[in-house]
Every structure is written in structure tokens, then in C-alpha cells.
């Protein structure tokens, strides 16, 4: 059963944005446009990070922007499938608790 949220009484599935490849300054403008565009949908947002091969401070800033923008629109944001690069960056910057999403480390990573 889907959980109902205050902005989505029908309990619709969240909008999914899957990010693959680099999440760096070189792709920041493209990724920002995609993230903010999907936040226009009247549902919660899920960002899949399993395909992220590299992330720098610009990528981290984009995730922080997405979290802040979702909260401003009274939507929830869930990060899923954290790649090893994302986990390393979150641990280095002590951001695991800030996003509050469970991080599952797959065997071999």
C-alpha cells in the first residue's frame, strides 16, 4: 500500500530521476535543470544514485539544492542506490545524516 502524503493524497509513485556518470562541475548545469524540472511534478522525488561514477562539490551542492527545493515545495526527497563514489563523498563531508536516507553497501564495493 502506498503511503499518502499531504501534497499527494492519491499516494502516487514518486517522480524518479536516475543519474548516471559524473556528477561534477562539468555537468552541473545539465543536472540542475533536470532536477529542478522534475520538482515541478506534483509528486515526491526519488533520485537514483547507483550509476554515479564520480561526484565533486558541485554534485553535492546539487543534491543539497534538490533537498532544499523539495522541502520548499512540501515534497519529500529520497536518495536511493548510493554508488561507492557518493558514499565516499557523503562520509568525507559528514552528510549521511543530513539526507537521512538509508545507505546500503553492496558486496564487493
N, C-alpha and C. Protein backbone atom coordinates (compact mmCIF):
# COMPACT_ATOMS: atom_id res chain seq x y z
N UNK A 1 0.84 -1.18 0.00
CA UNK A 1 0.00 0.00 0.00
C UNK A 1 0.89 1.24 0.00
N UNK A 2 0.54 2.20 -0.85
CA UNK A 2 1.33 3.43 -0.94
C UNK A 2 0.99 4.37 0.19
N UNK A 3 2.01 5.03 0.68
CA UNK A 3 1.82 5.99 1.76
C UNK A 3 1.33 7.30 1.17
N UNK A 4 0.29 7.86 1.77
CA UNK A 4 -0.22 9.14 1.30
C UNK A 4 0.58 10.26 1.93
N UNK A 5 0.81 11.32 1.15
CA UNK A 5 1.49 12.49 1.70
C UNK A 5 0.54 13.67 1.62
N UNK A 6 0.85 14.74 2.32
CA UNK A 6 -0.08 15.86 2.39
C UNK A 6 -0.25 16.57 1.04
N UNK A 7 0.75 16.50 0.17
CA UNK A 7 0.64 17.15 -1.12
C UNK A 7 0.18 16.19 -2.21
N UNK A 8 0.12 14.92 -1.92
CA UNK A 8 -0.23 13.91 -2.92
C UNK A 8 -1.22 12.93 -2.31
N UNK A 9 -2.48 13.33 -2.16
CA UNK A 9 -3.45 12.49 -1.47
C UNK A 9 -3.71 11.15 -2.13
N UNK A 10 -3.45 11.05 -3.42
CA UNK A 10 -3.69 9.77 -4.10
C UNK A 10 -2.57 8.77 -3.83
N UNK A 11 -1.49 9.20 -3.24
CA UNK A 11 -0.38 8.31 -2.94
C UNK A 11 0.37 7.88 -4.19
N UNK A 12 0.47 8.76 -5.18
CA UNK A 12 1.13 8.44 -6.44
C UNK A 12 2.60 8.11 -6.22
N UNK A 13 3.13 7.31 -7.12
CA UNK A 13 4.55 6.96 -7.05
C UNK A 13 5.38 8.22 -7.23
N UNK A 14 6.55 8.26 -6.59
CA UNK A 14 7.40 9.45 -6.72
C UNK A 14 7.97 9.57 -8.14
N UNK A 15 8.29 10.81 -8.51
CA UNK A 15 8.99 11.05 -9.77
C UNK A 15 10.41 10.57 -9.57
N UNK A 16 10.92 9.83 -10.54
CA UNK A 16 12.26 9.25 -10.43
C UNK A 16 13.22 9.94 -11.37
N UNK A 17 14.36 10.33 -10.84
CA UNK A 17 15.46 10.87 -11.64
C UNK A 17 16.66 9.96 -11.39
N UNK A 18 17.07 9.23 -12.40
CA UNK A 18 18.24 8.36 -12.30
C UNK A 18 19.44 9.11 -12.86
N UNK A 19 20.50 9.23 -12.07
CA UNK A 19 21.70 9.93 -12.52
C UNK A 19 22.78 8.90 -12.79
N UNK A 20 23.33 8.96 -13.98
CA UNK A 20 24.41 8.06 -14.38
C UNK A 20 25.62 8.88 -14.81
N UNK A 21 26.80 8.34 -14.55
CA UNK A 21 28.03 9.02 -14.95
C UNK A 21 28.50 10.00 -13.89
N UNK A 22 29.20 11.01 -14.35
CA UNK A 22 29.77 12.01 -13.43
C UNK A 22 28.71 12.97 -12.92
N UNK A 23 28.86 13.32 -11.67
CA UNK A 23 28.04 14.35 -11.06
C UNK A 23 29.01 15.43 -10.60
N UNK A 24 29.57 16.11 -11.60
CA UNK A 24 30.64 17.06 -11.34
C UNK A 24 30.30 18.43 -11.93
N UNK A 25 31.18 19.36 -11.73
CA UNK A 25 31.00 20.72 -12.21
C UNK A 25 30.79 20.74 -13.72
N UNK A 26 31.32 19.78 -14.43
CA UNK A 26 31.19 19.74 -15.89
C UNK A 26 29.77 19.44 -16.34
N UNK A 27 28.97 18.84 -15.47
CA UNK A 27 27.57 18.51 -15.80
C UNK A 27 26.58 19.24 -14.89
N UNK A 28 27.07 20.16 -14.08
CA UNK A 28 26.23 20.80 -13.07
C UNK A 28 25.01 21.50 -13.68
N UNK A 29 25.19 22.25 -14.75
CA UNK A 29 24.07 22.99 -15.34
C UNK A 29 23.02 22.02 -15.87
N UNK A 30 23.44 20.97 -16.56
CA UNK A 30 22.52 19.97 -17.10
C UNK A 30 21.74 19.28 -15.99
N UNK A 31 22.46 18.84 -14.95
CA UNK A 31 21.81 18.11 -13.86
C UNK A 31 20.88 19.02 -13.06
N UNK A 32 21.28 20.27 -12.88
CA UNK A 32 20.43 21.22 -12.14
C UNK A 32 19.12 21.41 -12.88
N UNK A 33 19.17 21.56 -14.19
CA UNK A 33 17.97 21.73 -14.99
C UNK A 33 17.05 20.50 -14.87
N UNK A 34 17.64 19.31 -14.93
CA UNK A 34 16.85 18.08 -14.81
C UNK A 34 16.21 17.97 -13.43
N UNK A 35 16.99 18.27 -12.39
CA UNK A 35 16.47 18.15 -11.02
C UNK A 35 15.34 19.14 -10.76
N UNK A 36 15.55 20.39 -11.14
CA UNK A 36 14.52 21.39 -10.89
C UNK A 36 13.29 21.14 -11.75
N UNK A 37 13.50 20.61 -12.95
CA UNK A 37 12.38 20.30 -13.82
C UNK A 37 11.49 19.21 -13.24
N UNK A 38 12.10 18.19 -12.69
CA UNK A 38 11.32 17.08 -12.13
C UNK A 38 10.62 17.50 -10.83
N UNK A 39 11.15 18.50 -10.17
CA UNK A 39 10.49 19.00 -8.96
C UNK A 39 9.20 19.75 -9.28
N UNK A 40 8.97 20.06 -10.54
CA UNK A 40 7.72 20.71 -10.94
C UNK A 40 6.56 19.72 -10.92
N UNK A 41 6.86 18.42 -10.96
CA UNK A 41 5.81 17.40 -10.91
C UNK A 41 5.19 17.42 -9.51
N UNK A 42 3.91 17.18 -9.41
CA UNK A 42 3.24 17.27 -8.11
C UNK A 42 3.37 15.99 -7.27
N UNK A 43 4.53 15.38 -7.29
CA UNK A 43 4.76 14.16 -6.51
C UNK A 43 6.08 14.30 -5.76
N UNK A 44 6.32 13.35 -4.87
CA UNK A 44 7.60 13.31 -4.19
C UNK A 44 8.68 12.97 -5.22
N UNK A 45 9.93 13.13 -4.83
CA UNK A 45 11.04 12.92 -5.75
C UNK A 45 11.98 11.85 -5.22
N UNK A 46 12.40 10.97 -6.10
CA UNK A 46 13.40 9.97 -5.78
C UNK A 46 14.55 10.14 -6.77
N UNK A 47 15.76 10.28 -6.25
CA UNK A 47 16.95 10.40 -7.09
C UNK A 47 17.78 9.14 -6.93
N UNK A 48 17.94 8.41 -8.02
CA UNK A 48 18.74 7.20 -8.03
C UNK A 48 20.20 7.54 -8.30
N UNK A 49 21.07 7.11 -7.41
CA UNK A 49 22.49 7.46 -7.49
C UNK A 49 23.39 6.26 -7.77
N UNK A 50 22.82 5.13 -8.13
CA UNK A 50 23.62 3.92 -8.32
C UNK A 50 24.58 4.02 -9.49
N UNK A 51 24.29 4.85 -10.48
CA UNK A 51 25.14 4.99 -11.65
C UNK A 51 26.14 6.12 -11.58
N UNK A 52 26.22 6.80 -10.43
CA UNK A 52 27.15 7.93 -10.30
C UNK A 52 28.57 7.38 -10.14
N UNK A 53 29.43 7.74 -11.09
CA UNK A 53 30.81 7.25 -11.09
C UNK A 53 31.76 8.18 -10.38
N UNK A 54 31.41 9.45 -10.32
CA UNK A 54 32.26 10.47 -9.68
C UNK A 54 31.37 11.60 -9.22
N UNK A 55 31.68 12.15 -8.05
CA UNK A 55 30.91 13.29 -7.54
C UNK A 55 31.88 14.26 -6.89
N UNK A 56 31.70 15.54 -7.18
CA UNK A 56 32.54 16.57 -6.56
C UNK A 56 31.64 17.53 -5.78
N UNK A 57 32.21 18.65 -5.33
CA UNK A 57 31.43 19.58 -4.51
C UNK A 57 30.24 20.16 -5.28
N UNK A 58 30.35 20.30 -6.60
CA UNK A 58 29.22 20.79 -7.38
C UNK A 58 28.07 19.77 -7.35
N UNK A 59 28.40 18.49 -7.44
CA UNK A 59 27.39 17.45 -7.36
C UNK A 59 26.72 17.42 -6.00
N UNK A 60 27.51 17.58 -4.96
CA UNK A 60 26.97 17.63 -3.60
C UNK A 60 26.04 18.83 -3.47
N UNK A 61 26.45 19.98 -3.99
CA UNK A 61 25.62 21.18 -3.93
C UNK A 61 24.29 20.96 -4.64
N UNK A 62 24.30 20.22 -5.75
CA UNK A 62 23.06 19.94 -6.46
C UNK A 62 22.11 19.10 -5.61
N UNK A 63 22.65 18.12 -4.91
CA UNK A 63 21.80 17.29 -4.04
C UNK A 63 21.24 18.12 -2.88
N UNK A 64 22.05 19.01 -2.34
CA UNK A 64 21.57 19.90 -1.27
C UNK A 64 20.49 20.84 -1.80
N UNK A 65 20.67 21.35 -3.02
CA UNK A 65 19.67 22.21 -3.65
C UNK A 65 18.37 21.44 -3.87
N UNK A 66 18.47 20.21 -4.34
CA UNK A 66 17.27 19.39 -4.57
C UNK A 66 16.52 19.17 -3.26
N UNK A 67 17.25 18.90 -2.19
CA UNK A 67 16.63 18.67 -0.87
C UNK A 67 15.91 19.94 -0.40
N UNK A 68 16.59 21.07 -0.53
CA UNK A 68 16.00 22.34 -0.10
C UNK A 68 14.78 22.70 -0.96
N UNK A 69 14.90 22.51 -2.27
CA UNK A 69 13.79 22.83 -3.18
C UNK A 69 12.59 21.93 -2.94
N UNK A 70 12.82 20.65 -2.69
CA UNK A 70 11.72 19.73 -2.40
C UNK A 70 11.03 20.15 -1.11
N UNK A 71 11.78 20.47 -0.09
CA UNK A 71 11.20 20.89 1.19
C UNK A 71 10.38 22.18 1.00
N UNK A 72 10.90 23.10 0.20
CA UNK A 72 10.20 24.36 -0.06
C UNK A 72 8.85 24.10 -0.74
N UNK A 73 8.81 23.06 -1.58
CA UNK A 73 7.57 22.71 -2.29
C UNK A 73 6.73 21.70 -1.48
N UNK A 74 7.13 21.43 -0.26
CA UNK A 74 6.48 20.48 0.64
C UNK A 74 6.38 19.08 0.02
N UNK A 75 7.49 18.67 -0.59
CA UNK A 75 7.60 17.33 -1.15
C UNK A 75 8.77 16.64 -0.46
N UNK A 76 8.71 15.33 -0.43
CA UNK A 76 9.84 14.61 0.15
C UNK A 76 10.83 14.25 -0.95
N UNK A 77 12.06 14.13 -0.58
CA UNK A 77 13.14 13.74 -1.49
C UNK A 77 13.81 12.52 -0.89
N UNK A 78 13.95 11.48 -1.71
CA UNK A 78 14.64 10.26 -1.28
C UNK A 78 15.78 9.99 -2.22
N UNK A 79 16.95 9.75 -1.66
CA UNK A 79 18.11 9.35 -2.44
C UNK A 79 18.23 7.85 -2.31
N UNK A 80 18.42 7.15 -3.43
CA UNK A 80 18.48 5.70 -3.41
C UNK A 80 19.68 5.19 -4.20
N UNK A 81 20.08 3.97 -3.90
CA UNK A 81 21.13 3.31 -4.66
C UNK A 81 22.46 4.04 -4.66
N UNK A 82 22.86 4.53 -3.53
CA UNK A 82 24.10 5.30 -3.41
C UNK A 82 25.29 4.50 -3.97
N UNK A 83 25.97 5.06 -4.96
CA UNK A 83 27.16 4.41 -5.52
C UNK A 83 28.32 4.57 -4.54
N UNK A 84 29.39 3.78 -4.70
CA UNK A 84 30.55 3.95 -3.83
C UNK A 84 31.10 5.38 -3.84
N UNK A 85 31.08 6.05 -5.00
CA UNK A 85 31.58 7.43 -5.08
C UNK A 85 30.73 8.36 -4.20
N UNK A 86 29.42 8.17 -4.22
CA UNK A 86 28.52 9.01 -3.42
C UNK A 86 28.72 8.72 -1.94
N UNK A 87 28.82 7.45 -1.59
CA UNK A 87 29.03 7.08 -0.19
C UNK A 87 30.32 7.70 0.34
N UNK A 88 31.39 7.59 -0.44
CA UNK A 88 32.68 8.17 -0.03
C UNK A 88 32.56 9.67 0.21
N UNK A 89 31.89 10.38 -0.71
CA UNK A 89 31.74 11.83 -0.57
C UNK A 89 30.89 12.18 0.64
N UNK A 90 29.79 11.46 0.85
CA UNK A 90 28.93 11.73 1.99
C UNK A 90 29.67 11.50 3.30
N UNK A 91 30.45 10.42 3.35
CA UNK A 91 31.21 10.14 4.58
C UNK A 91 32.29 11.19 4.80
N UNK A 92 32.98 11.57 3.75
CA UNK A 92 34.04 12.58 3.87
C UNK A 92 33.50 13.91 4.39
N UNK A 93 32.31 14.28 3.91
CA UNK A 93 31.71 15.56 4.28
C UNK A 93 30.71 15.45 5.43
N UNK A 94 30.59 14.25 6.01
CA UNK A 94 29.68 14.02 7.13
C UNK A 94 28.24 14.41 6.78
N UNK A 95 27.77 13.98 5.60
CA UNK A 95 26.44 14.33 5.13
C UNK A 95 25.43 13.18 5.19
N UNK A 96 25.86 12.02 5.62
CA UNK A 96 24.96 10.87 5.63
C UNK A 96 23.70 11.21 6.44
N UNK A 97 23.85 11.76 7.60
CA UNK A 97 22.71 12.10 8.45
C UNK A 97 21.89 13.26 7.93
N UNK A 98 22.50 14.15 7.18
CA UNK A 98 21.79 15.32 6.66
C UNK A 98 20.67 14.90 5.71
N UNK A 99 20.94 13.94 4.85
CA UNK A 99 19.93 13.49 3.90
C UNK A 99 18.99 12.47 4.54
N UNK A 100 19.49 11.70 5.49
CA UNK A 100 18.64 10.80 6.25
C UNK A 100 18.16 9.56 5.52
N UNK A 101 18.71 9.28 4.36
CA UNK A 101 18.30 8.09 3.61
C UNK A 101 19.19 6.92 3.98
N UNK A 102 18.62 5.72 4.05
CA UNK A 102 19.45 4.56 4.35
C UNK A 102 20.45 4.31 3.22
N UNK A 103 21.67 4.01 3.60
CA UNK A 103 22.71 3.71 2.63
C UNK A 103 23.04 2.24 2.74
N UNK A 104 22.88 1.54 1.65
CA UNK A 104 23.16 0.11 1.61
C UNK A 104 24.44 -0.11 0.81
N UNK A 105 25.41 -0.72 1.44
CA UNK A 105 26.67 -1.01 0.77
C UNK A 105 26.56 -2.42 0.20
N UNK A 106 26.69 -2.51 -1.11
CA UNK A 106 26.60 -3.79 -1.79
C UNK A 106 27.91 -4.54 -1.67
N UNK A 107 27.87 -5.88 -1.63
CA UNK A 107 29.11 -6.66 -1.55
C UNK A 107 30.03 -6.34 -2.74
N UNK A 108 31.31 -6.29 -2.44
CA UNK A 108 32.29 -6.01 -3.48
C UNK A 108 32.56 -4.54 -3.72
N UNK A 109 31.94 -3.66 -2.93
CA UNK A 109 32.17 -2.22 -3.12
C UNK A 109 32.91 -1.63 -1.97
